[in-house]
Amino acid sequence: MRAEILSIGTELLLGDIVDTNAAYIGRRLAEIGVDVFHRATVGDNTERIVGAIGDALARADVVITTGGLGPTEDDPTREAVAAALGVSLEVSEEARRHAESLLARAGHEAASESAARQALVPGGARMIGNDRGTACGFIAEKGGKAVISMPGVPGEMRGMIESTVIPYLRSRMGRAGSVIRSRVLKVCGPGEATVEDAVRDLLHGKANPTVAPLVSLGEVELRVTAKARCSEEADAMIAAVEAEIRARLGDDVYGAGDDEIQDAAVRLLAERKLTCAVAESVTGGLIAHKLTEVPGCSEVLGLAVTSYSNDAKREVLEVPAAALRRHGAVSREVAIAMAKGAMALGGADVAVSTTGIAGPSGGSVAKPVGLVFVGLAWRQGVACARLSLFGTRSEIKERAARKALDLLRRHVLRRW
């Protein structure tokens, strides 16, 4: 079965609202084996919506729309669907009673006109109940194809998807149904080109499962997707490809699914029964923030210091004044001293530090914007990494924080 998703609303085109509905619908359709090859967004204009629905019906078996089902005249989805299918609008008494009940409960006793409009559906359509709002959705069928329309409010739409739309689509698919499952592997360290070279044959050599690279700030993701008759079969297909990717990339793969680099770091520290401390300058507390977003972080993080000024570096972390004078705050020597100071102050097994220049000003030929030093200290030694990062100020901070956490993770992996 093929489906298309049509998001309706001028506010989406203007960028006033981010379209999370289409992403959610796409994920849920993939999980039950429905193919989605096209998505579109159209403003609140009846003629253009009719055209978009017609184009989608020419390619797909089912068109799913969100938005434009409100109580005012600038909510034209009902009229557009009816026109696209060549039917007239009719009143659903069930939808009218539902809208009137919710409006009365909210104190809108004189809202009969609003309720009447929200009760309109294309002739012969089946209503989709809405437990969270006044506007019901509907399923309109014609010529073996269907248009499913739901409100644009995300919570209302999701409730309809789960209660009605997914069961409806499953019933249409019958035994021909299949499932599409995906698993995302998270890679930190090598760049996109390096990762692609390592798995090139997997990216282009198979139609099922497929492997697709996705790039995010400072990381690469590999999405493995399989289509099969059941979830167990798809998961087994994915597991085989995942094992091959992990064998090739090794420690560069730090997690999967919703994992973030801080999850991997905290998990590893907890497994090894180690504690860490953090000393930050350029990242301004971002590493500590990321770590404390992970449940159970209190077991491994004992101390976090944001020592932005040289005075704070000297007085709190006991960075030698001579090192600051001779090498400057942005240097290998100071990064190591910060890490050693944090480890001693926090009584930790290992500590990580950052110092650098996030810009947009403050750089020089010798020390350009984006130069960051990440220090590591542990009871048997010290280490430091020099990074040359790019991007806006916030992007440099984010990349530095992720890289520092990855270096901490790799250090623990190799030494404990």
Protein backbone atom coordinates (compact mmCIF):
# COMPACT_ATOMS: atom_id res chain seq x y z
CA MET A 1 0.00 0.00 0.00
CA ARG A 2 1.17 3.50 -0.86
CA ALA A 3 0.22 6.57 1.13
CA GLU A 4 0.92 10.28 0.84
CA ILE A 5 0.90 12.84 3.63
CA LEU A 6 -0.57 16.30 3.03
CA SER A 7 -0.04 18.95 5.71
CA ILE A 8 -2.47 21.85 5.44
CA GLY A 9 -1.93 25.32 6.89
CA THR A 10 -0.45 28.61 5.78
CA GLU A 11 1.36 28.85 9.11
CA LEU A 12 3.41 25.80 8.10
CA LEU A 13 4.52 27.43 4.86
CA LEU A 14 5.49 30.62 6.69
CA GLY A 15 7.57 28.67 9.19
CA ASP A 16 5.51 29.83 12.17
CA ILE A 17 4.90 26.19 13.14
CA VAL A 18 7.20 23.19 12.68
CA ASP A 19 5.42 20.25 11.05
CA THR A 20 5.92 17.44 13.55
CA ASN A 21 2.70 15.73 12.41
CA ALA A 22 4.10 14.53 9.09
CA ALA A 23 7.15 13.02 10.78
CA TYR A 24 4.99 11.16 13.29
CA ILE A 25 2.61 9.87 10.63
CA GLY A 26 5.51 8.76 8.45
CA ARG A 27 7.05 6.76 11.29
CA ARG A 28 3.79 5.05 12.18
CA LEU A 29 3.02 4.16 8.57
CA ALA A 30 6.50 2.70 8.12
CA GLU A 31 6.02 0.51 11.16
CA ILE A 32 3.04 -1.23 9.57
CA GLY A 33 4.58 -1.52 6.13
CA VAL A 34 2.88 1.35 4.32
CA ASP A 35 5.14 3.01 1.74
CA VAL A 36 5.33 6.82 1.74
CA PHE A 37 7.06 8.24 -1.34
CA HIS A 38 5.72 11.81 -1.27
CA ARG A 39 4.89 14.44 1.33
CA ALA A 40 3.48 17.91 0.63
CA THR A 41 2.48 21.09 2.44
CA VAL A 42 -0.17 23.47 1.14
CA GLY A 43 -1.68 26.66 2.52
CA ASP A 44 -5.28 27.33 3.52
CA ASN A 45 -6.57 27.69 -0.02
CA THR A 46 -9.37 25.42 -1.21
CA GLU A 47 -8.34 25.32 -4.86
CA ARG A 48 -4.73 24.44 -4.08
CA ILE A 49 -5.76 21.79 -1.54
CA VAL A 50 -8.07 20.18 -4.11
CA GLY A 51 -5.20 20.08 -6.58
CA ALA A 52 -2.80 18.61 -4.03
CA ILE A 53 -5.28 15.88 -3.06
CA GLY A 54 -5.91 15.05 -6.72
CA ASP A 55 -2.18 14.76 -7.42
CA ALA A 56 -1.69 12.55 -4.38
CA LEU A 57 -4.62 10.26 -5.25
CA ALA A 58 -3.15 9.74 -8.71
CA ARG A 59 -0.04 8.21 -7.12
CA ALA A 60 -1.20 6.68 -3.84
CA ASP A 61 -3.89 4.43 -2.41
CA VAL A 62 -4.42 6.58 0.68
CA VAL A 63 -3.98 10.31 1.29
CA ILE A 64 -3.64 11.43 4.89
CA THR A 65 -4.22 15.11 5.65
CA THR A 66 -3.75 17.10 8.85
CA GLY A 67 -4.97 20.63 9.51
CA GLY A 68 -7.76 22.82 8.25
CA LEU A 69 -10.62 21.19 10.19
CA GLY A 70 -11.31 24.07 12.58
CA PRO A 71 -14.60 25.94 13.00
CA THR A 72 -13.92 28.97 10.79
CA GLU A 73 -14.13 29.63 7.07
CA ASP A 74 -10.34 29.65 6.74
CA ASP A 75 -10.36 25.94 7.60
CA PRO A 76 -11.15 24.59 4.11
CA THR A 77 -10.13 20.93 4.30
CA ARG A 78 -13.68 19.55 4.43
CA GLU A 79 -14.75 21.42 1.30
CA ALA A 80 -11.53 20.56 -0.51
CA VAL A 81 -11.76 16.81 0.17
CA ALA A 82 -15.41 16.75 -0.93
CA ALA A 83 -14.55 18.62 -4.13
CA ALA A 84 -11.57 16.36 -4.87
CA LEU A 85 -13.77 13.27 -4.51
CA GLY A 86 -16.73 14.81 -6.35
CA VAL A 87 -19.20 14.52 -3.48
CA SER A 88 -21.16 17.03 -1.43
CA LEU A 89 -20.82 17.82 2.26
CA GLU A 90 -23.26 16.40 4.75
CA VAL A 91 -23.79 16.73 8.49
CA SER A 92 -22.60 13.96 10.78
CA GLU A 93 -24.96 14.06 13.75
CA GLU A 94 -22.42 12.14 15.80
CA ALA A 95 -19.77 14.78 15.10
CA ARG A 96 -22.22 17.62 15.81
CA ARG A 97 -23.24 16.20 19.20
CA HIS A 98 -19.59 15.67 20.08
CA ALA A 99 -18.63 19.27 19.25
CA GLU A 100 -21.65 20.74 21.05
CA SER A 101 -20.94 18.68 24.16
CA LEU A 102 -17.32 19.81 24.42
CA LEU A 103 -18.14 23.44 23.65
CA ALA A 104 -20.90 23.50 26.28
CA ARG A 105 -18.57 21.92 28.81
CA ALA A 106 -16.13 24.77 28.16
CA GLY A 107 -18.87 27.36 28.69
CA HIS A 108 -19.53 28.18 25.01
CA GLU A 109 -23.30 27.77 25.09
CA ALA A 110 -23.90 29.88 21.94
CA ALA A 111 -21.47 28.02 19.76
CA SER A 112 -24.01 26.07 17.68
CA GLU A 113 -22.68 27.56 14.43
CA SER A 114 -19.16 26.42 15.28
CA ALA A 115 -20.42 22.94 16.15
CA ALA A 116 -22.41 22.72 12.93
CA ARG A 117 -19.38 23.52 10.79
CA GLN A 118 -17.20 21.00 12.57
CA ALA A 119 -19.89 18.36 11.96
CA LEU A 120 -19.54 18.61 8.15
CA VAL A 121 -17.98 15.64 6.36
CA PRO A 122 -17.81 14.55 2.71
CA GLY A 123 -20.85 12.47 1.75
CA GLY A 124 -20.54 8.85 2.89
CA ALA A 125 -17.47 9.50 5.03
CA ARG A 126 -16.80 7.66 8.26
CA MET A 127 -16.17 9.83 11.30
CA ILE A 128 -13.00 9.53 13.40
CA GLY A 129 -13.68 10.35 17.03
CA ASN A 130 -11.62 12.98 18.84
CA ASP A 131 -11.20 12.48 22.59
CA ARG A 132 -9.09 15.63 22.95
CA GLY A 133 -10.86 18.29 20.89
CA THR A 134 -14.05 19.40 19.19
CA ALA A 135 -13.15 18.68 15.56
CA CYS A 136 -13.59 15.06 14.53
CA GLY A 137 -11.71 13.60 11.61
CA PHE A 138 -13.10 11.46 8.81
CA ILE A 139 -12.28 8.72 6.31
CA ALA A 140 -13.73 9.26 2.84
CA GLU A 141 -13.49 6.45 0.28
CA LYS A 142 -14.04 6.44 -3.46
CA GLY A 143 -12.93 4.16 -6.27
CA GLY A 144 -10.88 1.94 -4.00
CA LYS A 145 -8.91 4.90 -2.64
CA ALA A 146 -9.28 6.87 0.58
CA VAL A 147 -8.67 10.30 2.04
CA ILE A 148 -8.13 10.37 5.81
CA SER A 149 -8.41 13.84 7.35
CA MET A 150 -7.48 14.82 10.90
CA PRO A 151 -7.01 18.08 12.83
CA GLY A 152 -3.58 19.67 12.93
CA VAL A 153 -3.27 19.74 16.73
CA PRO A 154 -0.56 17.10 17.35
CA GLY A 155 -2.13 15.51 20.42
CA GLU A 156 -5.52 15.20 18.72
CA MET A 157 -4.00 13.80 15.53
CA ARG A 158 -1.92 11.21 17.38
CA GLY A 159 -4.93 9.97 19.31
CA MET A 160 -6.82 9.45 16.04
CA ILE A 161 -3.88 7.70 14.40
CA GLU A 162 -3.66 5.17 17.21
CA SER A 163 -7.37 4.61 17.83
CA THR A 164 -8.68 4.53 14.27
CA VAL A 165 -6.27 5.16 11.41
CA ILE A 166 -3.74 2.38 12.07
CA PRO A 167 -6.45 -0.28 12.59
CA TYR A 168 -8.22 0.96 9.43
CA LEU A 169 -5.06 0.74 7.33
CA ARG A 170 -4.23 -2.69 8.69
CA SER A 171 -7.69 -3.92 7.71
CA ARG A 172 -7.23 -2.56 4.17
CA MET A 173 -3.85 -4.24 3.81
CA GLY A 174 -5.08 -7.64 4.99
CA ARG A 175 -2.62 -10.47 4.51
CA ALA A 176 -0.60 -8.43 2.06
CA GLY A 177 0.62 -6.31 4.95
CA SER A 178 4.22 -6.12 6.05
CA VAL A 179 6.26 -4.14 8.53
CA ILE A 180 9.10 -1.69 8.11
CA ARG A 181 11.51 -1.42 11.02
CA SER A 182 14.46 0.89 11.47
CA ARG A 183 17.35 1.15 13.90
CA VAL A 184 19.72 4.10 14.05
CA LEU A 185 23.35 3.54 15.01
CA LYS A 186 25.18 6.54 16.49
CA VAL A 187 28.78 7.22 15.41
CA CYS A 188 31.11 9.79 16.95
CA GLY A 189 34.68 10.49 15.88
CA PRO A 190 35.15 9.95 12.15
CA GLY A 191 33.51 12.25 9.62
CA GLU A 192 30.76 11.38 7.19
CA ALA A 193 33.14 10.56 4.31
CA THR A 194 35.19 8.19 6.47
CA VAL A 195 32.09 6.41 7.75
CA GLU A 196 30.67 6.11 4.24
CA ASP A 197 33.93 4.61 2.94
CA ALA A 198 33.83 1.98 5.68
CA VAL A 199 30.29 0.82 4.86
CA ARG A 200 30.00 1.81 1.19
CA ASP A 201 28.97 -1.66 0.00
CA LEU A 202 26.22 -1.76 2.64
CA LEU A 203 24.92 1.65 1.56
CA HIS A 204 24.62 0.78 -2.11
CA GLY A 205 24.68 -2.98 -2.36
CA LYS A 206 21.32 -3.95 -0.86
CA ALA A 207 17.68 -3.04 -1.35
CA ASN A 208 16.55 -4.72 1.87
CA PRO A 209 17.79 -3.94 4.46
CA THR A 210 18.89 -0.49 3.43
CA VAL A 211 21.55 1.61 5.16
CA ALA A 212 21.38 5.41 4.99
CA PRO A 213 23.82 7.92 6.52
CA LEU A 214 22.42 10.91 8.39
CA VAL A 215 24.62 13.76 9.57
CA SER A 216 24.02 15.72 12.77
CA LEU A 217 26.19 18.21 14.64
CA GLY A 218 29.49 16.47 15.35
CA GLU A 219 28.11 12.99 14.68
CA VAL A 220 27.07 10.59 11.94
CA GLU A 221 24.03 8.33 12.16
CA LEU A 222 23.48 5.15 10.16
CA ARG A 223 19.82 4.20 9.78
CA VAL A 224 19.28 0.52 9.00
CA THR A 225 15.80 -0.20 7.63
CA ALA A 226 14.26 -3.59 6.84
CA LYS A 227 10.91 -4.57 5.37
CA ALA A 228 9.55 -8.00 6.26
CA ARG A 229 6.41 -9.99 6.98
CA CYS A 230 6.67 -9.47 10.74
CA SER A 231 8.62 -7.46 13.30
CA GLU A 232 10.73 -10.44 14.38
CA GLU A 233 11.89 -11.11 10.83
CA ALA A 234 12.71 -7.43 10.22
CA ASP A 235 14.59 -7.17 13.52
CA ALA A 236 16.68 -10.22 12.64
CA MET A 237 17.58 -8.69 9.27
CA ILE A 238 18.60 -5.45 10.96
CA ALA A 239 20.63 -7.26 13.63
CA ALA A 240 22.78 -8.95 11.00
CA VAL A 241 23.61 -5.64 9.30
CA GLU A 242 24.16 -3.90 12.64
CA ALA A 243 26.67 -6.56 13.66
CA GLU A 244 28.60 -6.00 10.42
CA ILE A 245 28.63 -2.21 10.89
CA ARG A 246 29.84 -2.52 14.47
CA ALA A 247 32.57 -4.93 13.40
CA ARG A 248 33.84 -2.40 10.85
CA LEU A 249 33.52 0.78 12.92
CA GLY A 250 34.37 -0.62 16.35
CA ASP A 251 34.39 1.90 19.19
CA ASP A 252 33.25 4.67 16.83
CA VAL A 253 29.72 3.31 17.32
CA TYR A 254 28.71 4.50 20.77
CA GLY A 255 25.02 3.64 20.83
CA ALA A 256 21.73 3.20 19.02
CA GLY A 257 18.21 4.57 18.90
CA ASP A 258 17.69 7.47 21.30
CA ASP A 259 21.18 7.20 22.78
CA GLU A 260 23.20 10.40 23.04
CA ILE A 261 26.93 10.54 23.68
CA GLN A 262 26.33 11.47 27.33
CA ASP A 263 24.19 8.33 27.78
CA ALA A 264 27.07 6.21 26.54
CA ALA A 265 29.56 7.99 28.83
CA VAL A 266 27.42 7.66 31.96
CA ARG A 267 26.54 4.05 31.18
CA LEU A 268 30.20 3.11 30.76
CA LEU A 269 31.34 4.92 33.90
CA ALA A 270 28.59 3.19 35.89
CA GLU A 271 29.54 -0.23 34.48
CA ARG A 272 33.18 0.33 35.47
CA LYS A 273 32.16 1.78 38.86
CA LEU A 274 34.11 4.99 38.18
CA THR A 275 33.47 8.60 39.11
CA CYS A 276 34.28 11.64 37.00
CA ALA A 277 34.71 15.37 37.41
CA VAL A 278 34.31 18.12 34.82
CA ALA A 279 36.07 21.48 34.44
CA GLU A 280 34.73 23.73 31.69
CA SER A 281 35.72 27.04 30.22
CA VAL A 282 34.75 27.32 26.54
CA THR A 283 31.76 24.98 26.87
CA GLY A 284 30.35 27.00 29.76
CA GLY A 285 28.72 24.13 31.67
CA LEU A 286 27.34 22.35 28.61
CA ILE A 287 29.13 19.08 29.38
CA ALA A 288 27.75 19.07 32.91
CA HIS A 289 24.29 19.87 31.59
CA LYS A 290 24.43 16.94 29.17
CA LEU A 291 25.63 14.54 31.83
CA THR A 292 22.96 15.57 34.32
CA GLU A 293 20.27 14.97 31.70
CA VAL A 294 21.00 11.24 32.08
CA PRO A 295 19.09 9.44 34.84
CA GLY A 296 21.50 7.94 37.36
CA CYS A 297 24.21 10.49 36.60
CA SER A 298 24.61 11.21 40.32
CA GLU A 299 26.33 7.84 40.69
CA VAL A 300 29.21 8.89 38.44
CA LEU A 301 29.42 12.70 38.41
CA GLY A 302 30.74 14.16 41.64
CA LEU A 303 31.92 17.63 40.63
CA ALA A 304 31.38 20.06 37.77
CA VAL A 305 33.08 23.47 37.63
CA THR A 306 32.61 26.25 35.09
CA SER A 307 35.85 28.21 35.43
CA TYR A 308 35.45 30.82 32.74
CA SER A 309 37.85 33.44 34.06
CA ASN A 310 41.56 33.03 34.72
CA ASP A 311 40.92 33.92 38.36
CA ALA A 312 38.49 31.01 38.67
CA LYS A 313 40.99 28.67 37.02
CA ARG A 314 43.66 29.70 39.52
CA GLU A 315 41.59 29.98 42.68
CA VAL A 316 39.20 27.06 42.24
CA LEU A 317 41.15 24.57 40.14
CA GLU A 318 44.64 25.67 41.21
CA VAL A 319 45.84 26.13 37.66
CA PRO A 320 49.38 27.56 38.04
CA ALA A 321 49.57 31.27 37.33
CA ALA A 322 52.81 30.63 35.46
CA ALA A 323 51.03 28.31 33.02
CA LEU A 324 48.40 30.96 32.32
CA ARG A 325 51.06 33.63 31.76
CA ARG A 326 53.36 31.52 29.62
CA HIS A 327 50.87 29.55 27.53
CA GLY A 328 47.57 31.41 27.87
CA ALA A 329 44.21 30.09 28.99
CA VAL A 330 43.67 28.34 25.65
CA SER A 331 46.50 25.83 25.74
CA ARG A 332 47.36 22.20 26.31
CA GLU A 333 49.06 23.00 29.60
CA VAL A 334 46.05 24.81 31.06
CA ALA A 335 43.58 22.16 29.85
CA ILE A 336 45.60 19.45 31.62
CA ALA A 337 45.94 21.56 34.77
CA MET A 338 42.17 22.16 34.80
CA ALA A 339 41.49 18.44 34.53
CA LYS A 340 43.98 17.62 37.28
CA GLY A 341 42.48 20.29 39.51
CA ALA A 342 38.94 19.02 38.99
CA MET A 343 39.99 15.43 39.66
CA ALA A 344 41.69 16.41 42.92
CA LEU A 345 38.88 18.72 44.03
CA GLY A 346 36.20 16.14 43.29
CA GLY A 347 38.14 13.07 44.42
CA ALA A 348 37.27 11.50 41.05
CA ASP A 349 38.79 8.61 39.15
CA VAL A 350 38.91 10.59 35.91
CA ALA A 351 38.31 14.19 34.88
CA VAL A 352 37.72 16.02 31.60
CA SER A 353 38.25 19.71 30.85
CA THR A 354 37.70 22.16 27.99
CA THR A 355 39.29 25.49 27.14
CA GLY A 356 39.10 27.26 23.80
CA ILE A 357 37.82 30.11 21.63
CA ALA A 358 34.16 29.90 20.57
CA GLY A 359 34.14 33.23 18.70
CA PRO A 360 33.00 35.02 16.74
CA SER A 361 35.79 37.29 18.03
CA GLY A 362 38.85 36.67 20.17
CA GLY A 363 40.83 34.55 17.73
CA SER A 364 44.29 35.16 16.29
CA VAL A 365 46.58 33.61 13.72
CA ALA A 366 48.20 31.44 16.38
CA LYS A 367 44.94 30.65 18.15
CA PRO A 368 42.01 30.95 15.72
CA VAL A 369 38.32 30.81 16.53
CA GLY A 370 37.35 27.16 16.93
CA LEU A 371 40.59 26.11 18.65
CA VAL A 372 39.67 23.92 21.64
CA PHE A 373 41.81 21.83 23.98
CA VAL A 374 40.21 18.90 25.80
CA GLY A 375 42.17 17.70 28.83
CA LEU A 376 41.95 14.35 30.54
CA ALA A 377 43.40 13.41 33.90
CA TRP A 378 43.37 10.16 35.80
CA ARG A 379 45.41 8.84 38.70
CA GLN A 380 48.10 7.36 36.49
CA GLY A 381 48.47 10.12 33.92
CA VAL A 382 47.16 12.90 31.72
CA ALA A 383 46.33 13.48 28.06
CA CYS A 384 45.12 16.30 25.87
CA ALA A 385 43.44 16.61 22.46
CA ARG A 386 43.69 19.68 20.24
CA LEU A 387 40.54 20.33 18.19
CA SER A 388 39.97 22.67 15.26
CA LEU A 389 36.22 23.20 15.19
CA PHE A 390 33.98 25.34 12.98
CA GLY A 391 30.54 26.87 13.00
CA THR A 392 28.72 29.49 15.02
CA ARG A 393 29.56 30.12 18.66
CA SER A 394 26.84 27.74 19.85
CA GLU A 395 27.85 25.10 17.29
CA ILE A 396 31.49 25.20 18.38
CA LYS A 397 30.42 24.80 22.01
CA GLU A 398 28.16 21.89 21.11
CA ARG A 399 30.83 20.15 19.04
CA ALA A 400 33.40 20.65 21.81
CA ALA A 401 31.09 19.23 24.47
CA ARG A 402 30.25 16.16 22.40
CA LYS A 403 33.89 15.58 21.51
CA ALA A 404 34.94 15.89 25.15
CA LEU A 405 32.35 13.32 26.21
CA ASP A 406 33.45 11.01 23.41
CA LEU A 407 37.10 11.30 24.45
CA LEU A 408 36.09 10.54 28.03
CA ARG A 409 34.12 7.49 26.83
CA ARG A 410 36.99 6.18 24.70
CA HIS A 411 39.51 6.72 27.50
CA VAL A 412 37.44 4.69 29.95
CA LEU A 413 36.93 1.94 27.35
CA ARG A 414 40.64 1.58 26.77
CA ARG A 415 42.03 1.96 30.28
CA TRP A 416 39.49 0.27 32.55
